[in-house]
């Protein structure tokens, strides 16, 4: 049986945590930061996590992640 292909674009955007959750960077942090509030920018620094309903779809695209 041939090897499964990893979605390279998704592999660059998502990381697995030690417990198997999927972590990603939040959008909206690159420009126009002066109009965004301090709390909002602070929250954008923290990682976002993929919802449980989307995890199975992403695991198929990243077969060797975990």
PDB file of N, CA and C in Angstrom:
ATOM      1  N   UNK A   1       0.844  -1.183   0.000  1.00  0.00           N
ATOM      2  CA  UNK A   1       0.000   0.000   0.000  1.00  0.00           C
ATOM      3  C   UNK A   1       0.889   1.246   0.000  1.00  0.00           C
ATOM      4  N   UNK A   2       0.606   2.235  -0.844  1.00  0.00           N
ATOM      5  CA  UNK A   2       1.457   3.425  -0.899  1.00  0.00           C
ATOM      6  C   UNK A   2       1.295   4.298   0.339  1.00  0.00           C
ATOM      7  N   UNK A   3       2.288   5.144   0.539  1.00  0.00           N
ATOM      8  CA  UNK A   3       2.224   6.074   1.658  1.00  0.00           C
ATOM      9  C   UNK A   3       1.113   7.088   1.422  1.00  0.00           C
ATOM     10  N   UNK A   4       0.549   7.591   2.525  1.00  0.00           N
ATOM     11  CA  UNK A   4      -0.476   8.624   2.409  1.00  0.00           C
ATOM     12  C   UNK A   4       0.207   9.979   2.290  1.00  0.00           C
ATOM     13  N   UNK A   5      -0.391  10.867   1.533  1.00  0.00           N
ATOM     14  CA  UNK A   5       0.192  12.196   1.341  1.00  0.00           C
ATOM     15  C   UNK A   5      -0.277  13.150   2.433  1.00  0.00           C
ATOM     16  N   UNK A   6       0.654  13.935   2.941  1.00  0.00           N
ATOM     17  CA  UNK A   6       0.360  14.965   3.916  1.00  0.00           C
ATOM     18  C   UNK A   6       0.049  16.253   3.175  1.00  0.00           C
ATOM     19  N   UNK A   7      -0.961  16.969   3.626  1.00  0.00           N
ATOM     20  CA  UNK A   7      -1.262  18.287   3.069  1.00  0.00           C
ATOM     21  C   UNK A   7      -0.205  19.259   3.583  1.00  0.00           C
ATOM     22  N   UNK A   8       0.732  19.636   2.720  1.00  0.00           N
ATOM     23  CA  UNK A   8       1.861  20.459   3.154  1.00  0.00           C
ATOM     24  C   UNK A   8       1.426  21.856   3.584  1.00  0.00           C
ATOM     25  N   UNK A   9       0.422  22.414   2.931  1.00  0.00           N
ATOM     26  CA  UNK A   9      -0.039  23.749   3.314  1.00  0.00           C
ATOM     27  C   UNK A   9      -0.625  23.737   4.723  1.00  0.00           C
ATOM     28  N   UNK A  10      -1.334  22.675   5.058  1.00  0.00           N
ATOM     29  CA  UNK A  10      -1.918  22.559   6.389  1.00  0.00           C
ATOM     30  C   UNK A  10      -0.848  22.245   7.438  1.00  0.00           C
ATOM     31  N   UNK A  11       0.159  21.476   7.056  1.00  0.00           N
ATOM     32  CA  UNK A  11       1.228  21.120   7.990  1.00  0.00           C
ATOM     33  C   UNK A  11       2.026  22.343   8.435  1.00  0.00           C
ATOM     34  N   UNK A  12       2.072  23.377   7.591  1.00  0.00           N
ATOM     35  CA  UNK A  12       2.790  24.603   7.944  1.00  0.00           C
ATOM     36  C   UNK A  12       1.975  25.484   8.882  1.00  0.00           C
ATOM     37  N   UNK A  13       0.662  25.271   8.933  1.00  0.00           N
ATOM     38  CA  UNK A  13      -0.211  26.138   9.708  1.00  0.00           C
ATOM     39  C   UNK A  13      -0.666  25.548  11.035  1.00  0.00           C
ATOM     40  N   UNK A  14      -0.572  24.234  11.198  1.00  0.00           N
ATOM     41  CA  UNK A  14      -1.126  23.574  12.384  1.00  0.00           C
ATOM     42  C   UNK A  14      -0.067  22.718  13.061  1.00  0.00           C
ATOM     43  N   UNK A  15      -0.049  22.756  14.391  1.00  0.00           N
ATOM     44  CA  UNK A  15       0.853  21.923  15.184  1.00  0.00           C
ATOM     45  C   UNK A  15       0.016  21.091  16.144  1.00  0.00           C
ATOM     46  N   UNK A  16       0.518  19.913  16.479  1.00  0.00           N
ATOM     47  CA  UNK A  16      -0.145  19.059  17.461  1.00  0.00           C
ATOM     48  C   UNK A  16       0.416  19.359  18.843  1.00  0.00           C
ATOM     49  N   UNK A  17      -0.450  19.392  19.848  1.00  0.00           N
ATOM     50  CA  UNK A  17       0.011  19.521  21.222  1.00  0.00           C
ATOM     51  C   UNK A  17       0.353  18.126  21.736  1.00  0.00           C
ATOM     52  N   UNK A  18       0.905  18.053  22.928  1.00  0.00           N
ATOM     53  CA  UNK A  18       1.297  16.765  23.506  1.00  0.00           C
ATOM     54  C   UNK A  18       0.090  15.870  23.763  1.00  0.00           C
ATOM     55  N   UNK A  19      -1.058  16.454  23.989  1.00  0.00           N
ATOM     56  CA  UNK A  19      -2.270  15.676  24.268  1.00  0.00           C
ATOM     57  C   UNK A  19      -3.130  15.447  23.038  1.00  0.00           C
ATOM     58  N   UNK A  20      -2.636  15.860  21.870  1.00  0.00           N
ATOM     59  CA  UNK A  20      -3.338  15.550  20.638  1.00  0.00           C
ATOM     60  C   UNK A  20      -4.265  16.629  20.114  1.00  0.00           C
ATOM     61  N   UNK A  21      -4.297  17.793  20.776  1.00  0.00           N
ATOM     62  CA  UNK A  21      -5.113  18.878  20.251  1.00  0.00           C
ATOM     63  C   UNK A  21      -4.387  19.509  19.067  1.00  0.00           C
ATOM     64  N   UNK A  22      -5.108  20.259  18.267  1.00  0.00           N
ATOM     65  CA  UNK A  22      -4.539  20.925  17.105  1.00  0.00           C
ATOM     66  C   UNK A  22      -4.485  22.427  17.369  1.00  0.00           C
ATOM     67  N   UNK A  23      -3.281  22.981  17.276  1.00  0.00           N
ATOM     68  CA  UNK A  23      -3.031  24.367  17.633  1.00  0.00           C
ATOM     69  C   UNK A  23      -2.704  25.152  16.372  1.00  0.00           C
ATOM     70  N   UNK A  24      -3.189  26.387  16.275  1.00  0.00           N
ATOM     71  CA  UNK A  24      -2.881  27.228  15.116  1.00  0.00           C
ATOM     72  C   UNK A  24      -2.730  28.675  15.564  1.00  0.00           C
ATOM     73  N   UNK A  25      -2.097  29.489  14.732  1.00  0.00           N
ATOM     74  CA  UNK A  25      -1.964  30.920  15.012  1.00  0.00           C
ATOM     75  C   UNK A  25      -3.246  31.617  14.571  1.00  0.00           C
ATOM     76  N   UNK A  26      -3.632  32.633  15.303  1.00  0.00           N
ATOM     77  CA  UNK A  26      -4.838  33.382  14.965  1.00  0.00           C
ATOM     78  C   UNK A  26      -4.530  34.404  13.882  1.00  0.00           C
ATOM     79  N   UNK A  27      -5.542  34.731  13.111  1.00  0.00           N
ATOM     80  CA  UNK A  27      -5.360  35.708  12.039  1.00  0.00           C
ATOM     81  C   UNK A  27      -5.605  37.120  12.563  1.00  0.00           C
ATOM     82  N   UNK A  28      -5.199  38.111  11.789  1.00  0.00           N
ATOM     83  CA  UNK A  28      -5.459  39.502  12.141  1.00  0.00           C
ATOM     84  C   UNK A  28      -4.359  40.154  12.931  1.00  0.00           C
ATOM     85  N   UNK A  29      -3.146  39.629  12.864  1.00  0.00           N
ATOM     86  CA  UNK A  29      -2.052  40.123  13.690  1.00  0.00           C
ATOM     87  C   UNK A  29      -0.940  40.759  12.849  1.00  0.00           C
ATOM     88  N   UNK A  30      -1.150  40.895  11.551  1.00  0.00           N
ATOM     89  CA  UNK A  30      -0.059  41.335  10.690  1.00  0.00           C
ATOM     90  C   UNK A  30      -0.023  42.842  10.446  1.00  0.00           C
ATOM     91  N   UNK A  31      -1.180  43.486  10.309  1.00  0.00           N
ATOM     92  CA  UNK A  31      -1.167  44.928  10.055  1.00  0.00           C
ATOM     93  C   UNK A  31      -2.447  45.566  10.592  1.00  0.00           C
ATOM     94  N   UNK A  32      -2.515  46.876  10.514  1.00  0.00           N
ATOM     95  CA  UNK A  32      -3.629  47.672  11.057  1.00  0.00           C
ATOM     96  C   UNK A  32      -3.818  47.414  12.552  1.00  0.00           C
ATOM     97  N   UNK A  33      -2.712  47.386  13.276  1.00  0.00           N
ATOM     98  CA  UNK A  33      -2.777  47.062  14.703  1.00  0.00           C
ATOM     99  C   UNK A  33      -3.106  48.270  15.574  1.00  0.00           C
ATOM    100  N   UNK A  34      -2.965  49.488  15.039  1.00  0.00           N
ATOM    101  CA  UNK A  34      -3.203  50.669  15.873  1.00  0.00           C
ATOM    102  C   UNK A  34      -4.678  50.825  16.231  1.00  0.00           C
ATOM    103  N   UNK A  35      -5.575  50.348  15.382  1.00  0.00           N
ATOM    104  CA  UNK A  35      -7.004  50.479  15.678  1.00  0.00           C
ATOM    105  C   UNK A  35      -7.528  49.356  16.567  1.00  0.00           C
ATOM    106  N   UNK A  36      -6.743  48.309  16.754  1.00  0.00           N
ATOM    107  CA  UNK A  36      -7.180  47.190  17.585  1.00  0.00           C
ATOM    108  C   UNK A  36      -6.783  47.447  19.035  1.00  0.00           C
ATOM    109  N   UNK A  37      -7.647  47.052  19.938  1.00  0.00           N
ATOM    110  CA  UNK A  37      -7.405  47.296  21.351  1.00  0.00           C
ATOM    111  C   UNK A  37      -6.308  46.405  21.923  1.00  0.00           C
ATOM    112  N   UNK A  38      -5.826  46.788  23.091  1.00  0.00           N
ATOM    113  CA  UNK A  38      -4.737  46.055  23.726  1.00  0.00           C
ATOM    114  C   UNK A  38      -5.155  44.629  24.086  1.00  0.00           C
ATOM    115  N   UNK A  39      -6.365  44.478  24.629  1.00  0.00           N
ATOM    116  CA  UNK A  39      -6.839  43.142  24.999  1.00  0.00           C
ATOM    117  C   UNK A  39      -7.015  42.254  23.773  1.00  0.00           C
ATOM    118  N   UNK A  40      -7.485  42.856  22.691  1.00  0.00           N
ATOM    119  CA  UNK A  40      -7.695  42.082  21.467  1.00  0.00           C
ATOM    120  C   UNK A  40      -6.366  41.601  20.896  1.00  0.00           C
ATOM    121  N   UNK A  41      -5.356  42.483  20.903  1.00  0.00           N
ATOM    122  CA  UNK A  41      -4.031  42.092  20.393  1.00  0.00           C
ATOM    123  C   UNK A  41      -3.383  41.042  21.288  1.00  0.00           C
ATOM    124  N   UNK A  42      -3.605  41.157  22.575  1.00  0.00           N
ATOM    125  CA  UNK A  42      -3.077  40.170  23.515  1.00  0.00           C
ATOM    126  C   UNK A  42      -3.695  38.798  23.248  1.00  0.00           C
ATOM    127  N   UNK A  43      -4.995  38.782  22.971  1.00  0.00           N
ATOM    128  CA  UNK A  43      -5.673  37.518  22.687  1.00  0.00           C
ATOM    129  C   UNK A  43      -5.226  36.936  21.348  1.00  0.00           C
ATOM    130  N   UNK A  44      -4.890  37.789  20.394  1.00  0.00           N
ATOM    131  CA  UNK A  44      -4.427  37.297  19.090  1.00  0.00           C
ATOM    132  C   UNK A  44      -3.049  36.645  19.179  1.00  0.00           C
ATOM    133  N   UNK A  45      -2.274  36.993  20.217  1.00  0.00           N
ATOM    134  CA  UNK A  45      -0.962  36.372  20.400  1.00  0.00           C
ATOM    135  C   UNK A  45      -1.074  34.916  20.824  1.00  0.00           C
ATOM    136  N   UNK A  46      -2.107  34.620  21.590  1.00  0.00           N
ATOM    137  CA  UNK A  46      -2.280  33.257  22.106  1.00  0.00           C
ATOM    138  C   UNK A  46      -2.722  32.322  20.993  1.00  0.00           C
ATOM    139  N   UNK A  47      -2.366  31.049  21.082  1.00  0.00           N
ATOM    140  CA  UNK A  47      -2.759  30.126  20.011  1.00  0.00           C
ATOM    141  C   UNK A  47      -4.260  29.854  20.023  1.00  0.00           C
ATOM    142  N   UNK A  48      -4.776  29.535  18.842  1.00  0.00           N
ATOM    143  CA  UNK A  48      -6.153  29.084  18.723  1.00  0.00           C
ATOM    144  C   UNK A  48      -6.141  27.566  18.603  1.00  0.00           C
ATOM    145  N   UNK A  49      -7.257  26.943  18.947  1.00  0.00           N
ATOM    146  CA  UNK A  49      -7.364  25.497  18.863  1.00  0.00           C
ATOM    147  C   UNK A  49      -8.481  25.129  17.905  1.00  0.00           C
ATOM    148  N   UNK A  50      -8.276  24.060  17.164  1.00  0.00           N
ATOM    149  CA  UNK A  50      -9.266  23.593  16.195  1.00  0.00           C
ATOM    150  C   UNK A  50     -10.437  22.969  16.950  1.00  0.00           C
ATOM    151  N   UNK A  51     -11.649  23.241  16.482  1.00  0.00           N
ATOM    152  CA  UNK A  51     -12.852  22.702  17.109  1.00  0.00           C
ATOM    153  C   UNK A  51     -12.896  21.179  16.954  1.00  0.00           C
ATOM    154  N   UNK A  52     -13.574  20.520  17.881  1.00  0.00           N
ATOM    155  CA  UNK A  52     -13.643  19.058  17.864  1.00  0.00           C
ATOM    156  C   UNK A  52     -14.287  18.522  16.600  1.00  0.00           C
ATOM    157  N   UNK A  53     -15.279  19.246  16.059  1.00  0.00           N
ATOM    158  CA  UNK A  53     -15.969  18.764  14.859  1.00  0.00           C
ATOM    159  C   UNK A  53     -15.054  18.768  13.630  1.00  0.00           C
ATOM    160  N   UNK A  54     -14.030  19.603  13.632  1.00  0.00           N
ATOM    161  CA  UNK A  54     -13.124  19.690  12.484  1.00  0.00           C
ATOM    162  C   UNK A  54     -11.873  18.816  12.632  1.00  0.00           C
ATOM    163  N   UNK A  55     -11.648  18.263  13.818  1.00  0.00           N
ATOM    164  CA  UNK A  55     -10.420  17.492  14.052  1.00  0.00           C
ATOM    165  C   UNK A  55     -10.280  16.294  13.130  1.00  0.00           C
ATOM    166  N   UNK A  56     -11.352  15.544  12.904  1.00  0.00           N
ATOM    167  CA  UNK A  56     -11.260  14.348  12.065  1.00  0.00           C
ATOM    168  C   UNK A  56     -10.928  14.691  10.620  1.00  0.00           C
ATOM    169  N   UNK A  57     -11.477  15.786  10.108  1.00  0.00           N
ATOM    170  CA  UNK A  57     -11.161  16.219   8.744  1.00  0.00           C
ATOM    171  C   UNK A  57      -9.679  16.538   8.613  1.00  0.00           C
ATOM    172  N   UNK A  58      -9.144  17.224   9.611  1.00  0.00           N
ATOM    173  CA  UNK A  58      -7.744  17.635   9.560  1.00  0.00           C
ATOM    174  C   UNK A  58      -6.814  16.452   9.780  1.00  0.00           C
ATOM    175  N   UNK A  59      -7.210  15.502  10.618  1.00  0.00           N
ATOM    176  CA  UNK A  59      -6.371  14.314  10.834  1.00  0.00           C
ATOM    177  C   UNK A  59      -6.193  13.523   9.541  1.00  0.00           C
ATOM    178  N   UNK A  60      -7.200  13.547   8.655  1.00  0.00           N
ATOM    179  CA  UNK A  60      -7.065  12.862   7.367  1.00  0.00           C
ATOM    180  C   UNK A  60      -6.065  13.573   6.469  1.00  0.00           C
ATOM    181  N   UNK A  61      -5.974  14.896   6.613  1.00  0.00           N
ATOM    182  CA  UNK A  61      -5.020  15.668   5.814  1.00  0.00           C
ATOM    183  C   UNK A  61      -3.618  15.621   6.395  1.00  0.00           C
ATOM    184  N   UNK A  62      -3.505  15.322   7.696  1.00  0.00           N
ATOM    185  CA  UNK A  62      -2.214  15.201   8.378  1.00  0.00           C
ATOM    186  C   UNK A  62      -2.103  13.789   8.967  1.00  0.00           C
ATOM    187  N   UNK A  63      -1.938  12.772   8.150  1.00  0.00           N
ATOM    188  CA  UNK A  63      -2.021  11.399   8.651  1.00  0.00           C
ATOM    189  C   UNK A  63      -0.893  11.002   9.603  1.00  0.00           C
ATOM    190  N   UNK A  64       0.270  11.670   9.521  1.00  0.00           N
ATOM    191  CA  UNK A  64       1.403  11.263  10.360  1.00  0.00           C
ATOM    192  C   UNK A  64       1.660  12.234  11.497  1.00  0.00           C
ATOM    193  N   UNK A  65       0.669  13.056  11.821  1.00  0.00           N
ATOM    194  CA  UNK A  65       0.830  14.025  12.903  1.00  0.00           C
ATOM    195  C   UNK A  65       0.879  13.350  14.258  1.00  0.00           C
ATOM    196  N   UNK A  66      -0.005  12.386  14.474  1.00  0.00           N
ATOM    197  CA  UNK A  66      -0.032  11.667  15.752  1.00  0.00           C
ATOM    198  C   UNK A  66      -0.270  10.199  15.530  1.00  0.00           C
TER     199      UNK A  66
END
